[in-house]
Amino acid sequence: METTRSTYNARRAPGWAAWFAGLALVASVALAQAPATPTGSVPAAAPPATTTPAPAQPSSTTAAAPKTGAPSKDQGASKTKAASKTQAGKKSAAGTSAKSAGPPTRYLPNRFAGRAGAYYKAVWGIDSLSVKWAESGELIRFSWRVLDPEKARVLSDKKVEPSLIDPQAGVSLVIPTMEKVGQLRQSQTPEQGRSYWMVFSNRGRIVKRGHRVNVVVGPFRADNLVVD
């Protein structure tokens, strides 16, 4: 019995040896293919990537900061010119206001442009009323222009005696009568668009230029007419 077991073990010994040899060969190959890593050390993780912000570039549209300090020669010259122009404008305005604020003139070329003119046109059918010196002041000439012949007929009525009253001089002038001519006035039938006149005697030149007079012809009356 013992002999049989010994013989069996002797036969199995070479098989076990071959198996262990193959296992060792496989292990050595696996170790050779694995990457070399130090014993007991763990590979460190890669640090996270950091991004550094780029410095901000100045915008091309940003307005340049005003320079401080003493103004340049050009700036000083421009300021001086502007100040001189301002002073000249003030002087001109002052001169204009002084001229406009002067004493009012006694000669008013457009004195019937307002309510008075509208009144004479609407009621009496005339405009362009004027009173002027004639014959070196010996006569006062009153004239007008006819717009409506019917309304202006009273001014040409021979039956009505006209008069020129000067409150400042305290006189009332009448129309003189000539031997061959008659009264110095136009008494024909008025026509539209034509001008007419009548003359008052101013002997002694009592009525002066610049006086304000009233002309009365029957129901017609024109007040505050300036003698030119």
C-alpha atoms as a PDB file:
ATOM      1  CA  MET A   1       0.000   0.000   0.000  1.00  0.00           C
ATOM      2  CA  GLU A   2       2.737   2.419   0.919  1.00  0.00           C
ATOM      3  CA  THR A   3       4.576   1.568  -2.207  1.00  0.00           C
ATOM      4  CA  THR A   4       1.588   2.415  -4.279  1.00  0.00           C
ATOM      5  CA  ARG A   5       1.118   5.913  -2.709  1.00  0.00           C
ATOM      6  CA  SER A   6       4.797   6.755  -3.143  1.00  0.00           C
ATOM      7  CA  THR A   7       4.634   5.765  -6.738  1.00  0.00           C
ATOM      8  CA  TYR A   8       1.512   7.936  -7.214  1.00  0.00           C
ATOM      9  CA  ASN A   9       3.083  10.989  -5.566  1.00  0.00           C
ATOM     10  CA  ALA A  10       6.232  10.543  -7.600  1.00  0.00           C
ATOM     11  CA  ARG A  11       4.137  10.572 -10.744  1.00  0.00           C
ATOM     12  CA  ARG A  12       2.134  13.737  -9.681  1.00  0.00           C
ATOM     13  CA  ALA A  13       5.156  15.823  -8.665  1.00  0.00           C
ATOM     14  CA  PRO A  14       6.209  16.868 -12.169  1.00  0.00           C
ATOM     15  CA  GLY A  15       2.627  18.076 -12.963  1.00  0.00           C
ATOM     16  CA  TRP A  16       2.411  20.402  -9.980  1.00  0.00           C
ATOM     17  CA  ALA A  17       5.761  21.865 -10.738  1.00  0.00           C
ATOM     18  CA  ALA A  18       4.756  22.690 -14.266  1.00  0.00           C
ATOM     19  CA  TRP A  19       1.537  24.348 -13.073  1.00  0.00           C
ATOM     20  CA  PHE A  20       3.376  26.601 -10.578  1.00  0.00           C
ATOM     21  CA  ALA A  21       5.906  27.506 -13.221  1.00  0.00           C
ATOM     22  CA  GLY A  22       3.160  28.626 -15.643  1.00  0.00           C
ATOM     23  CA  LEU A  23       1.466  30.693 -12.941  1.00  0.00           C
ATOM     24  CA  ALA A  24       4.752  32.455 -12.178  1.00  0.00           C
ATOM     25  CA  LEU A  25       5.280  33.165 -15.847  1.00  0.00           C
ATOM     26  CA  VAL A  26       1.817  34.781 -16.199  1.00  0.00           C
ATOM     27  CA  ALA A  27       2.400  36.958 -13.121  1.00  0.00           C
ATOM     28  CA  SER A  28       5.755  38.167 -14.386  1.00  0.00           C
ATOM     29  CA  VAL A  29       4.257  39.115 -17.757  1.00  0.00           C
ATOM     30  CA  ALA A  30       1.438  41.055 -16.073  1.00  0.00           C
ATOM     31  CA  LEU A  31       3.892  42.941 -13.889  1.00  0.00           C
ATOM     32  CA  ALA A  32       6.035  43.763 -16.880  1.00  0.00           C
ATOM     33  CA  GLN A  33       3.086  45.291 -18.794  1.00  0.00           C
ATOM     34  CA  ALA A  34       1.761  47.421 -15.830  1.00  0.00           C
ATOM     35  CA  PRO A  35       3.186  51.048 -15.539  1.00  0.00           C
ATOM     36  CA  ALA A  36       5.759  51.619 -12.894  1.00  0.00           C
ATOM     37  CA  THR A  37       4.308  53.347  -9.846  1.00  0.00           C
ATOM     38  CA  PRO A  38       6.203  54.110  -6.646  1.00  0.00           C
ATOM     39  CA  THR A  39       5.080  51.896  -3.821  1.00  0.00           C
ATOM     40  CA  GLY A  40       2.752  53.574  -1.328  1.00  0.00           C
ATOM     41  CA  SER A  41       2.316  56.755  -3.397  1.00  0.00           C
ATOM     42  CA  VAL A  42      -0.831  57.951  -5.138  1.00  0.00           C
ATOM     43  CA  PRO A  43      -0.495  60.038  -8.294  1.00  0.00           C
ATOM     44  CA  ALA A  44      -1.425  63.672  -7.528  1.00  0.00           C
ATOM     45  CA  ALA A  45      -4.357  65.148  -9.412  1.00  0.00           C
ATOM     46  CA  ALA A  46      -3.607  67.905 -11.909  1.00  0.00           C
ATOM     47  CA  PRO A  47      -4.263  71.400 -10.505  1.00  0.00           C
ATOM     48  CA  PRO A  48      -7.299  73.179 -11.992  1.00  0.00           C
ATOM     49  CA  ALA A  49      -6.512  75.555 -14.802  1.00  0.00           C
ATOM     50  CA  THR A  50      -6.693  79.234 -13.780  1.00  0.00           C
ATOM     51  CA  THR A  51      -7.694  82.017 -16.201  1.00  0.00           C
ATOM     52  CA  THR A  52      -6.208  85.459 -15.599  1.00  0.00           C
ATOM     53  CA  PRO A  53      -8.477  88.255 -16.932  1.00  0.00           C
ATOM     54  CA  ALA A  54      -6.829  90.470 -19.493  1.00  0.00           C
ATOM     55  CA  PRO A  55      -6.432  94.140 -18.520  1.00  0.00           C
ATOM     56  CA  ALA A  56      -9.276  96.355 -19.812  1.00  0.00           C
ATOM     57  CA  GLN A  57      -8.309  98.409 -22.840  1.00  0.00           C
ATOM     58  CA  PRO A  58      -9.418 102.086 -22.935  1.00  0.00           C
ATOM     59  CA  SER A  59     -12.329 102.682 -25.305  1.00  0.00           C
ATOM     60  CA  SER A  60     -11.565 104.716 -28.397  1.00  0.00           C
ATOM     61  CA  THR A  61     -14.864 106.652 -27.972  1.00  0.00           C
ATOM     62  CA  THR A  62     -14.174 107.738 -24.383  1.00  0.00           C
ATOM     63  CA  ALA A  63     -13.886 111.515 -24.228  1.00  0.00           C
ATOM     64  CA  ALA A  64     -10.532 112.764 -23.125  1.00  0.00           C
ATOM     65  CA  ALA A  65     -10.484 114.291 -19.681  1.00  0.00           C
ATOM     66  CA  PRO A  66     -10.188 118.051 -19.745  1.00  0.00           C
ATOM     67  CA  LYS A  67      -6.755 119.272 -19.011  1.00  0.00           C
ATOM     68  CA  THR A  68      -6.367 121.376 -15.963  1.00  0.00           C
ATOM     69  CA  GLY A  69      -4.002 124.176 -15.589  1.00  0.00           C
ATOM     70  CA  ALA A  70      -3.428 127.493 -17.303  1.00  0.00           C
ATOM     71  CA  PRO A  71      -5.451 128.063 -20.535  1.00  0.00           C
ATOM     72  CA  SER A  72      -3.583 128.068 -23.813  1.00  0.00           C
ATOM     73  CA  LYS A  73      -2.948 131.229 -25.825  1.00  0.00           C
ATOM     74  CA  ASP A  74      -5.641 130.307 -28.379  1.00  0.00           C
ATOM     75  CA  GLN A  75      -8.224 129.827 -25.641  1.00  0.00           C
ATOM     76  CA  GLY A  76      -7.319 133.133 -24.047  1.00  0.00           C
ATOM     77  CA  ALA A  77      -7.557 134.940 -27.381  1.00  0.00           C
ATOM     78  CA  SER A  78     -10.951 133.390 -28.176  1.00  0.00           C
ATOM     79  CA  LYS A  79     -12.296 134.360 -24.747  1.00  0.00           C
ATOM     80  CA  THR A  80     -11.051 137.920 -25.223  1.00  0.00           C
ATOM     81  CA  LYS A  81     -12.712 138.161 -28.654  1.00  0.00           C
ATOM     82  CA  ALA A  82     -15.993 136.763 -27.289  1.00  0.00           C
ATOM     83  CA  ALA A  83     -15.955 139.275 -24.407  1.00  0.00           C
ATOM     84  CA  SER A  84     -15.287 142.176 -26.805  1.00  0.00           C
ATOM     85  CA  LYS A  85     -18.138 141.056 -29.083  1.00  0.00           C
ATOM     86  CA  THR A  86     -20.481 140.847 -26.094  1.00  0.00           C
ATOM     87  CA  GLN A  87     -19.529 144.343 -24.947  1.00  0.00           C
ATOM     88  CA  ALA A  88     -19.972 145.685 -28.490  1.00  0.00           C
ATOM     89  CA  GLY A  89     -23.434 144.063 -28.696  1.00  0.00           C
ATOM     90  CA  LYS A  90     -24.410 145.627 -25.368  1.00  0.00           C
ATOM     91  CA  LYS A  91     -23.218 149.050 -26.508  1.00  0.00           C
ATOM     92  CA  SER A  92     -25.128 148.708 -29.785  1.00  0.00           C
ATOM     93  CA  ALA A  93     -28.305 147.672 -27.961  1.00  0.00           C
ATOM     94  CA  ALA A  94     -27.882 150.539 -25.516  1.00  0.00           C
ATOM     95  CA  GLY A  95     -27.413 152.985 -28.409  1.00  0.00           C
ATOM     96  CA  THR A  96     -30.504 151.650 -30.167  1.00  0.00           C
ATOM     97  CA  SER A  97     -32.607 151.895 -27.019  1.00  0.00           C
ATOM     98  CA  ALA A  98     -31.293 155.408 -26.386  1.00  0.00           C
ATOM     99  CA  LYS A  99     -32.268 156.461 -29.903  1.00  0.00           C
ATOM    100  CA  SER A 100     -35.707 154.903 -29.595  1.00  0.00           C
ATOM    101  CA  ALA A 101     -36.198 156.530 -26.206  1.00  0.00           C
ATOM    102  CA  GLY A 102     -35.498 159.998 -27.607  1.00  0.00           C
ATOM    103  CA  PRO A 103     -38.056 162.791 -27.717  1.00  0.00           C
ATOM    104  CA  PRO A 104     -41.064 161.926 -29.903  1.00  0.00           C
ATOM    105  CA  THR A 105     -41.215 163.726 -33.207  1.00  0.00           C
ATOM    106  CA  ARG A 106     -44.181 165.943 -33.953  1.00  0.00           C
ATOM    107  CA  TYR A 107     -44.400 164.748 -37.539  1.00  0.00           C
ATOM    108  CA  LEU A 108     -46.287 161.458 -37.793  1.00  0.00           C
ATOM    109  CA  PRO A 109     -46.443 160.182 -41.411  1.00  0.00           C
ATOM    110  CA  ASN A 110     -48.685 157.217 -40.561  1.00  0.00           C
ATOM    111  CA  ARG A 111     -50.902 158.839 -37.944  1.00  0.00           C
ATOM    112  CA  PHE A 112     -54.130 157.405 -39.400  1.00  0.00           C
ATOM    113  CA  ALA A 113     -53.076 153.736 -39.451  1.00  0.00           C
ATOM    114  CA  GLY A 114     -55.032 152.835 -36.291  1.00  0.00           C
ATOM    115  CA  ARG A 115     -58.541 153.449 -35.025  1.00  0.00           C
ATOM    116  CA  ALA A 116     -58.676 157.002 -36.363  1.00  0.00           C
ATOM    117  CA  GLY A 117     -57.952 155.837 -39.898  1.00  0.00           C
ATOM    118  CA  ALA A 118     -60.547 153.068 -39.645  1.00  0.00           C
ATOM    119  CA  TYR A 119     -63.095 155.609 -38.340  1.00  0.00           C
ATOM    120  CA  TYR A 120     -62.634 158.084 -41.207  1.00  0.00           C
ATOM    121  CA  LYS A 121     -62.800 155.295 -43.788  1.00  0.00           C
ATOM    122  CA  ALA A 122     -65.936 153.699 -42.352  1.00  0.00           C
ATOM    123  CA  VAL A 123     -67.912 156.837 -41.444  1.00  0.00           C
ATOM    124  CA  TRP A 124     -66.790 159.489 -43.939  1.00  0.00           C
ATOM    125  CA  GLY A 125     -65.314 157.434 -46.786  1.00  0.00           C
ATOM    126  CA  ILE A 126     -61.956 159.253 -46.828  1.00  0.00           C
ATOM    127  CA  ASP A 127     -58.328 158.685 -45.846  1.00  0.00           C
ATOM    128  CA  SER A 128     -54.894 160.380 -46.156  1.00  0.00           C
ATOM    129  CA  LEU A 129     -55.938 163.447 -44.151  1.00  0.00           C
ATOM    130  CA  SER A 130     -53.214 166.112 -43.900  1.00  0.00           C
ATOM    131  CA  VAL A 131     -52.801 169.729 -42.719  1.00  0.00           C
ATOM    132  CA  LYS A 132     -49.836 171.711 -44.071  1.00  0.00           C
ATOM    133  CA  TRP A 133     -48.437 175.202 -44.140  1.00  0.00           C
ATOM    134  CA  ALA A 134     -48.702 176.969 -47.504  1.00  0.00           C
ATOM    135  CA  GLU A 135     -47.477 180.309 -48.831  1.00  0.00           C
ATOM    136  CA  SER A 136     -44.881 180.629 -46.046  1.00  0.00           C
ATOM    137  CA  GLY A 137     -47.497 179.982 -43.387  1.00  0.00           C
ATOM    138  CA  GLU A 138     -50.033 182.575 -44.557  1.00  0.00           C
ATOM    139  CA  LEU A 139     -52.386 179.757 -45.565  1.00  0.00           C
ATOM    140  CA  ILE A 140     -53.180 176.369 -44.013  1.00  0.00           C
ATOM    141  CA  ARG A 141     -54.065 173.662 -46.556  1.00  0.00           C
ATOM    142  CA  PHE A 142     -56.317 170.748 -45.534  1.00  0.00           C
ATOM    143  CA  SER A 143     -56.498 167.788 -47.976  1.00  0.00           C
ATOM    144  CA  TRP A 144     -58.005 164.293 -48.111  1.00  0.00           C
ATOM    145  CA  ARG A 145     -58.575 161.402 -50.510  1.00  0.00           C
ATOM    146  CA  VAL A 146     -62.037 160.054 -51.373  1.00  0.00           C
ATOM    147  CA  LEU A 147     -62.786 156.348 -50.974  1.00  0.00           C
ATOM    148  CA  ASP A 148     -66.610 156.529 -50.930  1.00  0.00           C
ATOM    149  CA  PRO A 149     -68.040 159.548 -52.840  1.00  0.00           C
ATOM    150  CA  GLU A 150     -71.441 159.340 -51.132  1.00  0.00           C
ATOM    151  CA  LYS A 151     -70.022 159.453 -47.620  1.00  0.00           C
ATOM    152  CA  ALA A 152     -67.483 162.168 -48.527  1.00  0.00           C
ATOM    153  CA  ARG A 153     -70.017 164.446 -50.262  1.00  0.00           C
ATOM    154  CA  VAL A 154     -70.428 166.708 -47.210  1.00  0.00           C
ATOM    155  CA  LEU A 155     -66.824 167.909 -47.518  1.00  0.00           C
ATOM    156  CA  SER A 156     -67.609 169.381 -50.940  1.00  0.00           C
ATOM    157  CA  ASP A 157     -70.935 170.954 -49.998  1.00  0.00           C
ATOM    158  CA  LYS A 158     -70.884 174.680 -50.893  1.00  0.00           C
ATOM    159  CA  LYS A 159     -73.642 175.461 -48.393  1.00  0.00           C
ATOM    160  CA  VAL A 160     -71.489 174.391 -45.436  1.00  0.00           C
ATOM    161  CA  GLU A 161     -68.894 176.835 -44.033  1.00  0.00           C
ATOM    162  CA  PRO A 162     -65.677 174.970 -42.990  1.00  0.00           C
ATOM    163  CA  SER A 163     -63.484 176.131 -40.103  1.00  0.00           C
ATOM    164  CA  LEU A 164     -60.079 175.216 -38.688  1.00  0.00           C
ATOM    165  CA  ILE A 165     -59.819 175.503 -34.890  1.00  0.00           C
ATOM    166  CA  ASP A 166     -56.483 175.788 -33.075  1.00  0.00           C
ATOM    167  CA  PRO A 167     -57.088 175.341 -29.308  1.00  0.00           C
ATOM    168  CA  GLN A 168     -53.450 176.135 -28.505  1.00  0.00           C
ATOM    169  CA  ALA A 169     -53.500 179.481 -30.331  1.00  0.00           C
ATOM    170  CA  GLY A 170     -57.139 180.116 -29.412  1.00  0.00           C
ATOM    171  CA  VAL A 171     -58.245 180.945 -32.976  1.00  0.00           C
ATOM    172  CA  SER A 172     -60.695 179.653 -35.576  1.00  0.00           C
ATOM    173  CA  LEU A 173     -59.636 180.080 -39.204  1.00  0.00           C
ATOM    174  CA  VAL A 174     -62.013 180.362 -42.173  1.00  0.00           C
ATOM    175  CA  ILE A 175     -61.649 179.896 -45.894  1.00  0.00           C
ATOM    176  CA  PRO A 176     -60.835 183.196 -47.661  1.00  0.00           C
ATOM    177  CA  THR A 177     -62.941 184.311 -50.625  1.00  0.00           C
ATOM    178  CA  MET A 178     -61.325 185.708 -53.773  1.00  0.00           C
ATOM    179  CA  GLU A 179     -63.181 188.125 -56.081  1.00  0.00           C
ATOM    180  CA  LYS A 180     -62.819 186.128 -59.291  1.00  0.00           C
ATOM    181  CA  VAL A 181     -62.227 182.638 -57.864  1.00  0.00           C
ATOM    182  CA  GLY A 182     -64.541 182.521 -54.890  1.00  0.00           C
ATOM    183  CA  GLN A 183     -63.711 180.358 -51.880  1.00  0.00           C
ATOM    184  CA  LEU A 184     -60.370 178.610 -51.978  1.00  0.00           C
ATOM    185  CA  ARG A 185     -61.794 175.115 -51.897  1.00  0.00           C
ATOM    186  CA  GLN A 186     -62.774 172.310 -54.266  1.00  0.00           C
ATOM    187  CA  SER A 187     -66.548 171.901 -54.369  1.00  0.00           C
ATOM    188  CA  GLN A 188     -67.123 169.647 -57.378  1.00  0.00           C
ATOM    189  CA  THR A 189     -68.790 166.277 -57.011  1.00  0.00           C
ATOM    190  CA  PRO A 190     -66.243 163.933 -55.373  1.00  0.00           C
ATOM    191  CA  GLU A 191     -64.889 160.961 -57.292  1.00  0.00           C
ATOM    192  CA  GLN A 192     -63.445 157.775 -55.879  1.00  0.00           C
ATOM    193  CA  GLY A 193     -59.646 157.687 -55.654  1.00  0.00           C
ATOM    194  CA  ARG A 194     -59.145 161.444 -56.166  1.00  0.00           C
ATOM    195  CA  SER A 195     -57.699 163.890 -53.623  1.00  0.00           C
ATOM    196  CA  TYR A 196     -59.327 167.212 -52.714  1.00  0.00           C
ATOM    197  CA  TRP A 197     -58.334 170.259 -50.658  1.00  0.00           C
ATOM    198  CA  MET A 198     -59.462 173.502 -49.009  1.00  0.00           C
ATOM    199  CA  VAL A 199     -57.361 176.434 -47.756  1.00  0.00           C
ATOM    200  CA  PHE A 200     -57.738 178.461 -44.547  1.00  0.00           C
ATOM    201  CA  SER A 201     -56.371 181.956 -43.996  1.00  0.00           C
ATOM    202  CA  ASN A 202     -53.612 182.153 -41.366  1.00  0.00           C
ATOM    203  CA  ARG A 203     -52.843 185.851 -41.399  1.00  0.00           C
ATOM    204  CA  GLY A 204     -50.136 186.707 -38.919  1.00  0.00           C
ATOM    205  CA  ARG A 205     -49.082 183.030 -38.878  1.00  0.00           C
ATOM    206  CA  ILE A 206     -50.860 182.424 -35.624  1.00  0.00           C
ATOM    207  CA  VAL A 207     -51.174 178.721 -36.248  1.00  0.00           C
ATOM    208  CA  LYS A 208     -47.663 177.240 -36.074  1.00  0.00           C
ATOM    209  CA  ARG A 209     -46.215 174.019 -37.369  1.00  0.00           C
ATOM    210  CA  GLY A 210     -46.599 171.242 -34.863  1.00  0.00           C
ATOM    211  CA  HIS A 211     -49.867 172.611 -33.482  1.00  0.00           C
ATOM    212  CA  ARG A 212     -52.801 170.226 -33.242  1.00  0.00           C
ATOM    213  CA  VAL A 213     -55.929 171.541 -34.901  1.00  0.00           C
ATOM    214  CA  ASN A 214     -59.529 170.461 -35.525  1.00  0.00           C
ATOM    215  CA  VAL A 215     -61.209 170.727 -38.936  1.00  0.00           C
ATOM    216  CA  VAL A 216     -65.001 171.087 -38.927  1.00  0.00           C
ATOM    217  CA  VAL A 217     -67.172 170.914 -42.075  1.00  0.00           C
ATOM    218  CA  GLY A 218     -70.841 170.703 -41.116  1.00  0.00           C
ATOM    219  CA  PRO A 219     -71.346 167.321 -39.378  1.00  0.00           C
ATOM    220  CA  PHE A 220     -67.813 166.248 -40.286  1.00  0.00           C
ATOM    221  CA  ARG A 221     -65.127 166.762 -37.657  1.00  0.00           C
ATOM    222  CA  ALA A 222     -61.456 165.684 -37.604  1.00  0.00           C
ATOM    223  CA  ASP A 223     -59.634 166.296 -34.336  1.00  0.00           C
ATOM    224  CA  ASN A 224     -55.949 166.436 -33.338  1.00  0.00           C
ATOM    225  CA  LEU A 225     -54.544 166.877 -36.829  1.00  0.00           C
ATOM    226  CA  VAL A 226     -50.873 167.926 -36.694  1.00  0.00           C
ATOM    227  CA  VAL A 227     -49.850 170.924 -38.826  1.00  0.00           C
ATOM    228  CA  ASP A 228     -46.835 169.966 -40.951  1.00  0.00           C
END
